[in-house]
Amino acid sequence: MMASLFLSRFLGLVRDMVIAGKFGTSHATDAYTLAFQIPDLIFYLIAGGALASAFIPVFSEYLHTKREKEAWQIFSSVMTITAVAISTLVVIALIFAVPLVHLMAGGAEKEGIVPLVALISRIVLPAQIAFFLGGGLMLGALYSMQRFAVPGLGPNIYNLGIIFGAVVLSLFFKQGIVGMAVGALLGATIGNLVIPVWELRRAGAKFKPSFDASHPGVKKVFKLMVPVILGLSLPGVYPVILRSFASYYDGGPSYIYFSNLLMQAPVGILGQSLAIAIFPALSQFHAEQRMDMYRRQIASTLRTVIYMALPISAFMALAAHQIVGGLYEHGKFTPEAANQVSICLQLFCVGITAWCVHPVITRGFFAIQNSLTPTIIGTIITAFFIGSVYAIKGTSLGLLALPLASSVSAILLAITLIIFLIPRIGGLDIKGILLTLLKSALATSVMIAITWGVLQTPLGHITAGHHTSAFRIIGLFLILVMAIPGALVYFFLSKAMKMPESSYLDKAFARITGRPQKSQTPDQLIEATPQAEVFEEPGSGSIDPMEGA
């Protein structure tokens, strides 16, 4: 999952470089960004992220307790009912696209781009059907069956679709940005619907259209979803809030778009990939009443996320101007725009570790089939986020209030969720988690000092200014190479402090290179890796979620 999402984020950077060079921070880019307000509204109305989170624990419970036929019956009913509900909402949104744009992106009127925003919205709206049915339910079923490799292709194909739309399809439209929207629709459909259907058929899925909602498992899925639908999730709603407020600043939607996407790279590669990988295992541990394994697994994963996210967020904040300059500052993307995006990125970096922790903790709640608690907490923190944005948007911070408020809110959300999860799972190794945070912070401070010194050399400014694409890519590569001394110091300091999280990197490299590893007990493996090795009873074999990834 980490490898797949790393490739996805790399393609995402290529996609953003293409968008930046071809459209810059123009009205067209603002229109493309704001056009996703309506599709995102549908996603959050039906709690798209919660659909998979509610489905996987229930599906896993039946699948891993020798009730496979009932598991597929639940899958069929939830799939059919959800398909009708989502299709209905998409049709309504297609009809009322223009008034919805006025409602959710008021700043678009000032720029005179309402018709273009509505057009792009209508093009990308059907993609929500693919995201819900394929990216939600179908991938949820595959994850429950410990199949991680093929599902990981979805985000990559989606990004390739957008790149294809920007480079090729844009040539066939008067407004080139429309071609990029068409590419997004194609990528979403192929990556999140066609490929999951193909993989499910290979896995022996048994689907039969059914509106039967009387099965206890079907009722449980929708029961787990209801609180999330009625509540507000900060990760779900904050992009919509950001874009809405940013639309009142000249170039604001584009600045927030590019900086937020860079911030999402480590969040996806670390937080989301590890959360996806351990979620089926946590659900299985809970279904089989092995809560000691559950507690050790989630604590180990949290420590690993903190260990890896903290130095990455520090480096991104330190080298924000070099990263943004190397990726975006070409074509129609001006140095002034690069500077604004860099500052926004630095403020987003404050919350990266918290954003990485959040999906792991949330999956912890969903794995024990508790969706109410994280929903209530998420709603309260979201209200705080909206209030803080209102409170500081009129200050001298201006647009910068948005990334700052989101980072502070993310930190509050992560801490609060951990506090409320502890009594529901019978405890958590908070001492070990805090010790990892402290040691990682110490090692990161040394890494920052070394990296800062390296970036002060002439090579540290190689990405500044408008250069050819090849020159900028080489410059960005050199910037990343210059981070290696600091990274090595961080790694060896963590080993010197005997941090168990450092052994995960050794294990990961061994898995990649194929070199033999020392024989380990199940308990040692859980301590050493965040991707849960799901251990069955003696003699029954084992299931490795990393197999084939």
Protein backbone atom coordinates (compact mmCIF):
# COMPACT_ATOMS: atom_id res chain seq x y z
CA MET A 1 0.00 0.00 0.00
CA MET A 2 2.82 2.42 0.81
CA ALA A 3 4.54 1.67 -2.50
CA SER A 4 1.30 2.09 -4.41
CA LEU A 5 0.36 5.34 -2.70
CA PHE A 6 3.90 6.63 -3.11
CA LEU A 7 3.54 6.08 -6.86
CA SER A 8 0.13 7.78 -6.69
CA ARG A 9 1.60 10.83 -4.95
CA PHE A 10 4.46 10.94 -7.46
CA LEU A 11 1.97 10.91 -10.33
CA GLY A 12 0.01 13.53 -8.39
CA LEU A 13 3.07 15.77 -8.38
CA VAL A 14 3.52 15.22 -12.12
CA ARG A 15 -0.18 16.06 -12.56
CA ASP A 16 0.21 19.27 -10.54
CA MET A 17 3.33 20.26 -12.48
CA VAL A 18 1.39 19.84 -15.73
CA ILE A 19 -1.54 21.88 -14.37
CA ALA A 20 0.78 24.60 -13.03
CA GLY A 21 2.68 24.94 -16.29
CA LYS A 22 -0.35 24.78 -18.56
CA PHE A 23 -2.87 26.83 -16.59
CA GLY A 24 -0.90 28.54 -13.78
CA THR A 25 -3.01 30.14 -11.02
CA SER A 26 -5.53 31.46 -13.55
CA HIS A 27 -9.32 31.72 -13.46
CA ALA A 28 -9.39 28.36 -15.29
CA THR A 29 -7.48 26.68 -12.44
CA ASP A 30 -9.74 28.36 -9.88
CA ALA A 31 -12.78 27.08 -11.80
CA TYR A 32 -11.41 23.53 -11.89
CA THR A 33 -10.70 23.63 -8.15
CA LEU A 34 -14.09 25.08 -7.21
CA ALA A 35 -15.90 22.62 -9.52
CA PHE A 36 -15.18 19.84 -7.03
CA GLN A 37 -17.27 21.55 -4.36
CA ILE A 38 -20.50 19.90 -5.59
CA PRO A 39 -19.09 16.35 -6.04
CA ASP A 40 -17.41 16.65 -2.64
CA LEU A 41 -20.72 17.74 -1.11
CA ILE A 42 -22.32 14.50 -2.31
CA PHE A 43 -19.35 12.53 -1.03
CA TYR A 44 -19.73 14.04 2.43
CA LEU A 45 -23.54 13.87 2.47
CA ILE A 46 -23.36 10.09 2.18
CA ALA A 47 -20.12 9.99 4.16
CA GLY A 48 -18.10 8.33 1.40
CA GLY A 49 -15.16 7.54 3.64
CA ALA A 50 -17.45 6.08 6.27
CA LEU A 51 -19.08 3.75 3.74
CA ALA A 52 -15.97 1.57 3.54
CA SER A 53 -15.23 2.08 7.24
CA ALA A 54 -18.70 0.85 8.19
CA PHE A 55 -18.71 -1.97 5.65
CA ILE A 56 -15.29 -3.57 6.25
CA PRO A 57 -15.78 -4.52 9.96
CA VAL A 58 -19.18 -6.10 9.25
CA PHE A 59 -18.06 -7.85 6.06
CA SER A 60 -14.90 -9.08 7.82
CA GLU A 61 -16.93 -10.36 10.76
CA TYR A 62 -18.99 -12.63 8.49
CA LEU A 63 -16.10 -13.54 6.20
CA HIS A 64 -13.76 -14.59 9.00
CA THR A 65 -16.37 -16.50 11.03
CA LYS A 66 -17.17 -18.98 8.25
CA ARG A 67 -20.31 -17.19 6.98
CA GLU A 68 -19.02 -16.30 3.51
CA LYS A 69 -22.40 -16.69 1.78
CA GLU A 70 -23.96 -14.15 4.14
CA ALA A 71 -20.98 -11.83 3.67
CA TRP A 72 -21.64 -11.63 -0.07
CA GLN A 73 -25.37 -11.24 0.58
CA ILE A 74 -24.57 -8.16 2.68
CA PHE A 75 -22.23 -6.89 -0.05
CA SER A 76 -24.94 -7.26 -2.71
CA SER A 77 -27.63 -5.47 -0.71
CA VAL A 78 -25.41 -2.58 0.39
CA MET A 79 -24.04 -2.20 -3.15
CA THR A 80 -27.50 -2.08 -4.77
CA ILE A 81 -29.07 0.33 -2.27
CA THR A 82 -26.04 2.62 -2.29
CA ALA A 83 -25.89 2.65 -6.11
CA VAL A 84 -29.48 3.89 -6.35
CA ALA A 85 -29.00 6.53 -3.64
CA ILE A 86 -25.81 7.92 -5.15
CA SER A 87 -27.14 7.93 -8.72
CA THR A 88 -30.20 9.87 -7.56
CA LEU A 89 -28.07 12.50 -5.83
CA VAL A 90 -25.80 12.82 -8.88
CA VAL A 91 -28.79 13.42 -11.17
CA ILE A 92 -30.18 16.09 -8.82
CA ALA A 93 -26.78 17.80 -8.65
CA LEU A 94 -26.48 17.74 -12.45
CA ILE A 95 -29.81 19.54 -12.75
CA PHE A 96 -29.12 22.16 -10.07
CA ALA A 97 -25.39 22.65 -10.71
CA VAL A 98 -25.55 26.44 -11.24
CA PRO A 99 -27.45 27.35 -8.03
CA LEU A 100 -25.22 24.94 -6.10
CA VAL A 101 -22.13 26.76 -7.40
CA HIS A 102 -23.58 30.08 -6.20
CA LEU A 103 -24.25 28.50 -2.81
CA MET A 104 -20.89 26.75 -2.26
CA ALA A 105 -18.44 29.00 -4.10
CA GLY A 106 -19.70 32.55 -3.77
CA GLY A 107 -16.36 33.97 -4.83
CA ALA A 108 -16.81 32.46 -8.31
CA GLU A 109 -19.32 35.20 -9.12
CA LYS A 110 -16.68 37.87 -8.55
CA GLU A 111 -14.33 36.14 -10.98
CA GLY A 112 -17.13 35.58 -13.54
CA ILE A 113 -16.45 31.84 -13.77
CA VAL A 114 -19.76 30.41 -12.54
CA PRO A 115 -20.69 28.88 -15.97
CA LEU A 116 -17.28 27.21 -16.28
CA VAL A 117 -17.42 25.90 -12.71
CA ALA A 118 -20.89 24.46 -13.35
CA LEU A 119 -19.77 22.82 -16.62
CA ILE A 120 -16.76 21.13 -15.03
CA SER A 121 -18.90 20.05 -12.06
CA ARG A 122 -21.36 18.34 -14.40
CA ILE A 123 -18.50 16.49 -16.11
CA VAL A 124 -16.89 15.16 -12.92
CA LEU A 125 -20.09 14.46 -10.97
CA PRO A 126 -20.63 10.91 -12.39
CA ALA A 127 -17.18 10.00 -11.07
CA GLN A 128 -18.73 9.94 -7.59
CA ILE A 129 -20.57 6.75 -8.54
CA ALA A 130 -17.21 5.11 -9.26
CA PHE A 131 -15.67 6.45 -6.03
CA PHE A 132 -18.54 5.21 -3.86
CA LEU A 133 -19.18 1.80 -5.39
CA GLY A 134 -15.65 0.93 -6.48
CA GLY A 135 -13.43 2.96 -4.18
CA GLY A 136 -15.71 2.34 -1.20
CA LEU A 137 -17.49 -1.01 -1.24
CA MET A 138 -15.53 -3.03 -3.80
CA LEU A 139 -12.13 -2.06 -2.44
CA GLY A 140 -13.49 -2.62 1.08
CA ALA A 141 -14.34 -6.20 0.14
CA LEU A 142 -10.90 -6.71 -1.42
CA TYR A 143 -9.11 -5.30 1.65
CA SER A 144 -11.14 -7.64 3.87
CA MET A 145 -9.91 -10.53 1.73
CA GLN A 146 -6.30 -9.32 2.26
CA ARG A 147 -5.94 -8.26 -1.39
CA PHE A 148 -4.03 -4.96 -1.47
CA ALA A 149 -1.99 -4.89 -4.70
CA VAL A 150 -4.61 -4.38 -7.42
CA PRO A 151 -6.78 -1.95 -5.40
CA GLY A 152 -3.74 0.27 -5.09
CA LEU A 153 -3.85 0.89 -8.85
CA GLY A 154 -6.99 3.05 -8.58
CA PRO A 155 -5.40 6.35 -7.48
CA ASN A 156 -2.58 5.92 -10.01
CA ILE A 157 -4.95 5.46 -12.94
CA TYR A 158 -7.03 8.41 -11.72
CA ASN A 159 -3.94 10.65 -11.80
CA LEU A 160 -2.93 9.32 -15.21
CA GLY A 161 -6.42 10.18 -16.47
CA ILE A 162 -6.06 13.79 -15.30
CA ILE A 163 -2.58 14.08 -16.84
CA PHE A 164 -3.89 12.63 -20.12
CA GLY A 165 -6.78 15.09 -20.01
CA ALA A 166 -4.48 18.08 -19.41
CA VAL A 167 -1.90 17.15 -22.05
CA VAL A 168 -4.03 15.55 -24.79
CA LEU A 169 -7.77 16.04 -24.32
CA SER A 170 -7.37 19.75 -23.53
CA LEU A 171 -6.34 20.27 -27.17
CA PHE A 172 -9.86 19.33 -28.31
CA PHE A 173 -11.71 21.90 -26.17
CA LYS A 174 -11.92 25.67 -26.51
CA GLN A 175 -11.39 25.89 -22.75
CA GLY A 176 -8.54 23.44 -22.21
CA ILE A 177 -9.35 22.90 -18.54
CA VAL A 178 -12.52 21.06 -19.64
CA GLY A 179 -10.38 18.36 -21.22
CA MET A 180 -8.68 17.81 -17.89
CA ALA A 181 -12.10 17.29 -16.27
CA VAL A 182 -12.97 14.67 -18.89
CA GLY A 183 -9.66 12.93 -18.16
CA ALA A 184 -10.50 12.93 -14.45
CA LEU A 185 -13.83 11.21 -15.17
CA LEU A 186 -12.15 8.56 -17.34
CA GLY A 187 -9.43 7.91 -14.77
CA ALA A 188 -11.94 7.62 -11.91
CA THR A 189 -14.14 5.20 -13.84
CA ILE A 190 -11.34 2.90 -14.97
CA GLY A 191 -9.31 3.01 -11.75
CA ASN A 192 -12.12 2.90 -9.19
CA LEU A 193 -14.80 0.87 -10.97
CA VAL A 194 -13.55 -1.21 -13.91
CA ILE A 195 -10.41 -2.59 -12.23
CA PRO A 196 -12.09 -3.43 -8.86
CA VAL A 197 -14.88 -5.27 -10.73
CA TRP A 198 -12.26 -7.28 -12.60
CA GLU A 199 -10.34 -8.12 -9.41
CA LEU A 200 -13.49 -9.09 -7.52
CA ARG A 201 -14.44 -11.51 -10.28
CA ARG A 202 -10.98 -13.08 -9.98
CA ALA A 203 -11.43 -13.29 -6.21
CA GLY A 204 -14.69 -15.23 -6.60
CA ALA A 205 -17.10 -12.49 -5.51
CA LYS A 206 -20.76 -13.40 -5.55
CA PHE A 207 -22.90 -10.38 -6.42
CA LYS A 208 -26.63 -10.45 -7.07
CA PRO A 209 -28.64 -7.19 -7.16
CA SER A 210 -30.79 -7.01 -4.04
CA PHE A 211 -32.79 -4.39 -2.16
CA ASP A 212 -33.15 -6.66 0.88
CA ALA A 213 -32.25 -4.50 3.87
CA SER A 214 -33.64 -6.94 6.44
CA HIS A 215 -30.41 -8.89 7.00
CA PRO A 216 -28.82 -8.00 10.38
CA GLY A 217 -25.47 -7.36 8.69
CA VAL A 218 -26.97 -4.86 6.23
CA LYS A 219 -28.73 -3.08 9.09
CA LYS A 220 -25.48 -2.93 11.03
CA VAL A 221 -23.60 -1.33 8.09
CA PHE A 222 -26.16 1.45 7.70
CA LYS A 223 -26.45 1.83 11.47
CA LEU A 224 -22.69 2.48 11.65
CA MET A 225 -22.99 4.98 8.80
CA VAL A 226 -25.88 7.03 10.22
CA PRO A 227 -23.90 8.95 12.88
CA VAL A 228 -21.23 9.83 10.34
CA ILE A 229 -23.79 11.08 7.83
CA LEU A 230 -25.45 13.26 10.46
CA GLY A 231 -22.14 14.55 11.80
CA LEU A 232 -19.25 16.50 10.33
CA SER A 233 -15.82 14.98 9.77
CA LEU A 234 -12.94 17.46 9.79
CA PRO A 235 -10.92 15.57 7.12
CA GLY A 236 -14.07 15.34 5.06
CA VAL A 237 -15.34 18.88 5.32
CA TYR A 238 -12.17 20.95 5.66
CA PRO A 239 -11.27 20.92 1.92
CA VAL A 240 -14.76 22.23 1.13
CA ILE A 241 -14.45 24.94 3.80
CA LEU A 242 -10.96 25.89 2.59
CA ARG A 243 -12.05 26.26 -1.02
CA SER A 244 -15.17 28.19 -0.05
CA PHE A 245 -13.26 30.78 2.02
CA ALA A 246 -10.33 30.85 -0.43
CA SER A 247 -12.67 31.81 -3.27
CA TYR A 248 -12.87 35.34 -1.76
CA TYR A 249 -9.12 35.89 -2.21
CA ASP A 250 -7.54 36.60 -5.58
CA GLY A 251 -5.84 33.35 -6.59
CA GLY A 252 -6.79 31.85 -3.21
CA PRO A 253 -8.36 28.60 -4.49
CA SER A 254 -5.24 27.81 -6.54
CA TYR A 255 -2.81 28.64 -3.70
CA ILE A 256 -4.72 26.41 -1.29
CA TYR A 257 -5.13 23.69 -3.94
CA PHE A 258 -1.42 23.34 -4.74
CA SER A 259 -0.17 23.65 -1.15
CA ASN A 260 -2.79 21.27 0.26
CA LEU A 261 -1.97 18.65 -2.38
CA LEU A 262 1.70 18.75 -1.39
CA MET A 263 0.74 18.37 2.26
CA GLN A 264 -1.46 15.39 1.38
CA ALA A 265 1.49 13.47 -0.11
CA PRO A 266 2.97 12.24 3.21
CA VAL A 267 -0.52 11.94 4.71
CA GLY A 268 -1.49 9.51 1.96
CA ILE A 269 1.77 7.59 1.81
CA LEU A 270 2.06 7.17 5.60
CA GLY A 271 -1.23 7.72 7.40
CA GLN A 272 -3.72 6.43 4.86
CA SER A 273 -1.67 3.49 3.63
CA LEU A 274 -0.96 2.20 7.14
CA ALA A 275 -4.57 2.77 8.18
CA ILE A 276 -5.84 0.84 5.16
CA ALA A 277 -3.36 -1.97 5.78
CA ILE A 278 -4.19 -2.51 9.45
CA PHE A 279 -7.96 -1.90 9.27
CA PRO A 280 -8.97 -5.43 8.17
CA ALA A 281 -6.61 -6.89 10.76
CA LEU A 282 -8.01 -4.74 13.58
CA SER A 283 -11.54 -5.72 12.50
CA GLN A 284 -10.57 -9.39 12.56
CA PHE A 285 -8.88 -9.08 15.96
CA HIS A 286 -12.07 -7.51 17.34
CA ALA A 287 -14.33 -10.12 15.73
CA GLU A 288 -12.22 -12.92 17.23
CA GLN A 289 -11.97 -11.14 20.64
CA ARG A 290 -8.17 -10.85 20.52
CA MET A 291 -8.03 -7.34 21.94
CA ASP A 292 -4.50 -7.74 23.26
CA MET A 293 -3.36 -8.10 19.62
CA TYR A 294 -5.58 -5.16 18.68
CA ARG A 295 -4.02 -2.87 21.32
CA ARG A 296 -0.45 -3.80 20.47
CA GLN A 297 -1.10 -3.38 16.75
CA ILE A 298 -2.67 0.07 16.92
CA ALA A 299 -0.02 1.34 19.37
CA SER A 300 2.78 0.03 17.14
CA THR A 301 1.21 1.67 14.08
CA LEU A 302 0.80 5.02 15.84
CA ARG A 303 4.44 4.99 16.92
CA THR A 304 5.56 4.20 13.39
CA VAL A 305 3.41 6.95 11.89
CA ILE A 306 4.84 9.52 14.31
CA TYR A 307 8.39 8.25 13.75
CA MET A 308 8.12 8.66 9.98
CA ALA A 309 5.83 11.71 9.67
CA LEU A 310 7.64 14.09 12.05
CA PRO A 311 10.95 14.38 10.13
CA ILE A 312 9.16 14.48 6.77
CA SER A 313 6.90 17.34 7.85
CA ALA A 314 9.91 19.24 9.24
CA PHE A 315 11.84 18.83 5.99
CA MET A 316 8.87 19.92 3.87
CA ALA A 317 8.43 23.06 5.97
CA LEU A 318 12.15 23.85 5.82
CA ALA A 319 12.44 23.30 2.06
CA ALA A 320 8.97 24.55 1.10
CA HIS A 321 10.25 27.26 -1.25
CA GLN A 322 12.66 24.88 -2.97
CA ILE A 323 9.99 22.17 -3.35
CA VAL A 324 7.33 24.51 -4.71
CA GLY A 325 9.82 26.26 -6.99
CA GLY A 326 11.10 22.97 -8.40
CA LEU A 327 7.64 21.54 -8.99
CA TYR A 328 5.52 24.46 -10.10
CA GLU A 329 7.48 27.59 -10.97
CA HIS A 330 7.38 27.38 -14.74
CA GLY A 331 5.12 28.36 -17.61
CA LYS A 332 2.24 30.46 -16.32
CA PHE A 333 3.09 29.79 -12.66
CA THR A 334 4.71 33.03 -11.44
CA PRO A 335 7.34 33.49 -8.67
CA GLU A 336 4.72 35.44 -6.67
CA ALA A 337 2.35 32.48 -6.85
CA ALA A 338 5.18 30.12 -5.83
CA ASN A 339 5.89 32.26 -2.77
CA GLN A 340 2.23 32.23 -1.67
CA VAL A 341 1.96 28.46 -2.14
CA SER A 342 5.20 27.95 -0.17
CA ILE A 343 3.97 29.91 2.83
CA CYS A 344 0.64 28.06 2.81
CA LEU A 345 2.54 24.76 2.63
CA GLN A 346 4.67 25.66 5.66
CA LEU A 347 1.52 26.27 7.72
CA PHE A 348 -0.05 23.04 6.47
CA CYS A 349 3.12 21.17 7.53
CA VAL A 350 2.41 22.04 11.18
CA GLY A 351 -0.45 19.52 11.13
CA ILE A 352 1.01 16.76 8.93
CA THR A 353 1.80 14.36 11.78
CA ALA A 354 -1.70 14.83 13.24
CA TRP A 355 -3.29 14.28 9.82
CA CYS A 356 -1.27 11.04 9.51
CA VAL A 357 -2.37 9.85 12.96
CA HIS A 358 -6.05 10.61 12.35
CA PRO A 359 -6.92 7.83 9.83
CA VAL A 360 -5.26 5.21 12.04
CA ILE A 361 -7.23 6.24 15.13
CA THR A 362 -10.47 6.55 13.16
CA ARG A 363 -10.02 3.03 11.76
CA GLY A 364 -9.46 1.93 15.35
CA PHE A 365 -12.96 3.15 16.25
CA PHE A 366 -14.58 1.67 13.16
CA ALA A 367 -12.85 -1.68 13.72
CA ILE A 368 -14.67 -2.02 17.07
CA GLN A 369 -17.86 -0.94 15.25
CA ASN A 370 -18.09 2.41 17.04
CA SER A 371 -18.86 5.22 14.60
CA LEU A 372 -20.74 7.48 17.00
CA THR A 373 -17.82 8.61 19.17
CA PRO A 374 -15.46 9.76 16.37
CA THR A 375 -18.42 11.45 14.65
CA ILE A 376 -19.34 13.51 17.72
CA ILE A 377 -15.70 14.46 18.30
CA GLY A 378 -15.21 15.25 14.62
CA THR A 379 -18.30 17.46 14.56
CA ILE A 380 -17.15 19.45 17.61
CA ILE A 381 -13.63 19.96 16.22
CA THR A 382 -15.06 20.89 12.81
CA ALA A 383 -17.22 23.54 14.48
CA PHE A 384 -14.07 24.82 16.19
CA PHE A 385 -12.28 24.90 12.83
CA ILE A 386 -15.05 26.88 11.13
CA GLY A 387 -15.25 29.27 14.09
CA SER A 388 -11.50 29.83 14.13
CA VAL A 389 -11.49 30.56 10.40
CA TYR A 390 -14.25 33.13 10.89
CA ALA A 391 -12.39 34.63 13.85
CA ILE A 392 -9.03 35.14 12.14
CA LYS A 393 -9.96 35.58 8.47
CA GLY A 394 -10.32 39.34 8.94
CA THR A 395 -6.89 39.66 10.54
CA SER A 396 -3.61 40.45 8.80
CA LEU A 397 -3.15 36.72 8.18
CA GLY A 398 -5.73 36.81 5.39
CA LEU A 399 -5.59 33.64 3.30
CA LEU A 400 -2.93 32.16 5.60
CA ALA A 401 -5.56 31.80 8.31
CA LEU A 402 -6.97 28.80 6.42
CA PRO A 403 -3.97 26.42 6.53
CA LEU A 404 -3.09 27.55 10.06
CA ALA A 405 -6.60 26.85 11.38
CA SER A 406 -6.70 23.45 9.67
CA SER A 407 -3.37 22.39 11.23
CA VAL A 408 -4.37 23.45 14.75
CA SER A 409 -7.73 21.68 14.37
CA ALA A 410 -6.04 18.50 13.12
CA ILE A 411 -3.80 18.38 16.20
CA LEU A 412 -6.78 18.86 18.54
CA LEU A 413 -8.72 16.17 16.68
CA ALA A 414 -5.94 13.57 16.87
CA ILE A 415 -5.34 14.12 20.60
CA THR A 416 -9.04 14.03 21.47
CA LEU A 417 -9.68 10.84 19.46
CA ILE A 418 -6.82 9.03 21.21
CA ILE A 419 -8.11 10.09 24.64
CA PHE A 420 -11.58 8.73 23.87
CA LEU A 421 -10.35 5.50 22.24
CA ILE A 422 -8.31 4.37 25.27
CA PRO A 423 -11.18 3.34 27.59
CA ARG A 424 -13.06 1.65 24.73
CA ILE A 425 -10.27 -0.81 23.94
CA GLY A 426 -9.06 -1.49 27.48
CA GLY A 427 -5.99 0.75 27.44
CA LEU A 428 -3.22 1.88 25.12
CA ASP A 429 0.55 2.19 25.41
CA ILE A 430 0.49 5.99 25.77
CA LYS A 431 3.89 5.99 27.49
CA GLY A 432 5.47 4.26 24.49
CA ILE A 433 3.73 6.62 22.04
CA LEU A 434 4.87 9.74 23.93
CA LEU A 435 8.40 8.35 24.22
CA THR A 436 8.47 7.84 20.44
CA LEU A 437 7.20 11.42 19.97
CA LEU A 438 9.91 12.81 22.28
CA LYS A 439 12.78 10.82 20.76
CA SER A 440 11.58 11.56 17.21
CA ALA A 441 11.43 15.28 18.04
CA LEU A 442 15.00 15.21 19.40
CA ALA A 443 16.33 13.38 16.36
CA THR A 444 14.33 15.68 14.05
CA SER A 445 15.84 18.81 15.63
CA VAL A 446 19.34 17.53 14.78
CA MET A 447 18.18 16.60 11.28
CA ILE A 448 16.73 20.10 10.77
CA ALA A 449 20.00 21.78 11.76
CA ILE A 450 21.99 19.67 9.31
CA THR A 451 19.44 20.05 6.48
CA TRP A 452 19.22 23.82 6.99
CA GLY A 453 22.99 24.11 6.65
CA VAL A 454 22.99 22.04 3.47
CA LEU A 455 20.17 24.13 1.96
CA GLN A 456 22.19 27.33 2.48
CA THR A 457 24.70 26.21 -0.14
CA PRO A 458 24.28 27.43 -3.75
CA LEU A 459 22.70 24.08 -4.65
CA GLY A 460 19.94 24.83 -2.15
CA HIS A 461 18.69 27.64 -4.39
CA ILE A 462 18.94 25.80 -7.68
CA THR A 463 15.16 25.54 -8.13
CA ALA A 464 14.60 29.30 -7.82
CA GLY A 465 13.53 31.17 -10.96
CA HIS A 466 12.07 30.08 -14.28
CA HIS A 467 14.19 27.37 -15.89
CA THR A 468 13.60 24.56 -18.37
CA SER A 469 11.63 21.55 -17.15
CA ALA A 470 14.70 19.31 -17.26
CA PHE A 471 16.76 21.81 -15.23
CA ARG A 472 14.05 22.14 -12.57
CA ILE A 473 13.55 18.38 -12.26
CA ILE A 474 17.31 17.90 -11.87
CA GLY A 475 17.34 20.74 -9.33
CA LEU A 476 14.49 19.21 -7.33
CA PHE A 477 16.26 15.85 -7.39
CA LEU A 478 19.39 17.51 -6.01
CA ILE A 479 17.31 19.12 -3.24
CA LEU A 480 15.99 15.70 -2.26
CA VAL A 481 19.51 14.25 -2.40
CA MET A 482 20.63 17.05 -0.10
CA ALA A 483 18.10 15.79 2.46
CA ILE A 484 19.89 12.43 2.68
CA PRO A 485 22.56 13.49 5.24
CA GLY A 486 19.86 14.72 7.62
CA ALA A 487 17.76 11.60 7.01
CA LEU A 488 20.69 9.30 7.76
CA VAL A 489 21.47 11.20 10.95
CA TYR A 490 17.81 10.86 11.99
CA PHE A 491 17.82 7.11 11.30
CA PHE A 492 21.06 6.36 13.13
CA LEU A 493 20.12 8.59 16.08
CA SER A 494 16.83 6.69 16.38
CA LYS A 495 18.73 3.41 16.34
CA ALA A 496 21.14 4.75 18.94
CA MET A 497 18.16 5.65 21.14
CA LYS A 498 16.93 2.06 20.62
CA MET A 499 13.64 3.11 19.05
CA PRO A 500 11.83 -0.08 17.93
CA GLU A 501 10.27 1.87 15.05
CA SER A 502 13.65 2.01 13.31
CA SER A 503 13.53 -1.77 12.90
CA TYR A 504 10.53 -1.36 10.60
CA LEU A 505 12.77 0.28 8.00
CA ASP A 506 15.18 -2.64 8.26
CA LYS A 507 12.30 -5.05 7.76
CA ALA A 508 10.90 -3.02 4.84
CA PHE A 509 14.28 -2.94 3.07
CA ALA A 510 14.67 -6.68 3.66
CA ARG A 511 11.26 -7.29 2.12
CA ILE A 512 12.12 -5.11 -0.91
CA THR A 513 15.58 -6.61 -1.47
CA GLY A 514 14.53 -10.15 -0.62
CA ARG A 515 17.32 -10.73 1.88
CA PRO A 516 16.54 -13.26 4.63
CA GLN A 517 15.27 -11.96 7.95
CA LYS A 518 15.79 -13.33 11.41
CA SER A 519 13.02 -15.59 12.57
CA GLN A 520 10.57 -13.62 14.70
CA THR A 521 7.69 -14.51 16.92
CA PRO A 522 4.22 -13.11 16.20
CA ASP A 523 4.59 -10.61 19.07
CA GLN A 524 7.93 -9.39 17.74
CA LEU A 525 6.51 -8.94 14.27
CA ILE A 526 3.64 -6.83 15.54
CA GLU A 527 6.11 -4.63 17.43
CA ALA A 528 8.33 -4.30 14.37
CA THR A 529 5.79 -3.50 11.66
CA PRO A 530 2.71 -1.31 11.36
CA GLN A 531 1.16 -3.51 8.68
CA ALA A 532 -0.46 -6.16 10.81
CA GLU A 533 0.71 -9.69 10.23
CA VAL A 534 -2.55 -11.46 11.03
CA PHE A 535 -1.65 -14.59 12.95
CA GLU A 536 -4.04 -17.51 12.93
CA GLU A 537 -4.17 -20.35 15.41
CA PRO A 538 -1.21 -22.79 15.24
CA GLY A 539 -1.41 -24.96 12.16
CA SER A 540 -3.89 -22.77 10.30
CA GLY A 541 -1.32 -20.73 8.33
CA SER A 542 -1.10 -16.96 8.21
CA ILE A 543 -2.40 -14.09 6.13
CA ASP A 544 0.04 -11.34 5.20
CA PRO A 545 -1.63 -8.09 4.11
CA MET A 546 1.63 -7.01 2.44
CA GLU A 547 1.62 -10.04 0.12
CA GLY A 548 1.98 -8.85 -3.45
CA ALA A 549 1.92 -5.16 -2.51
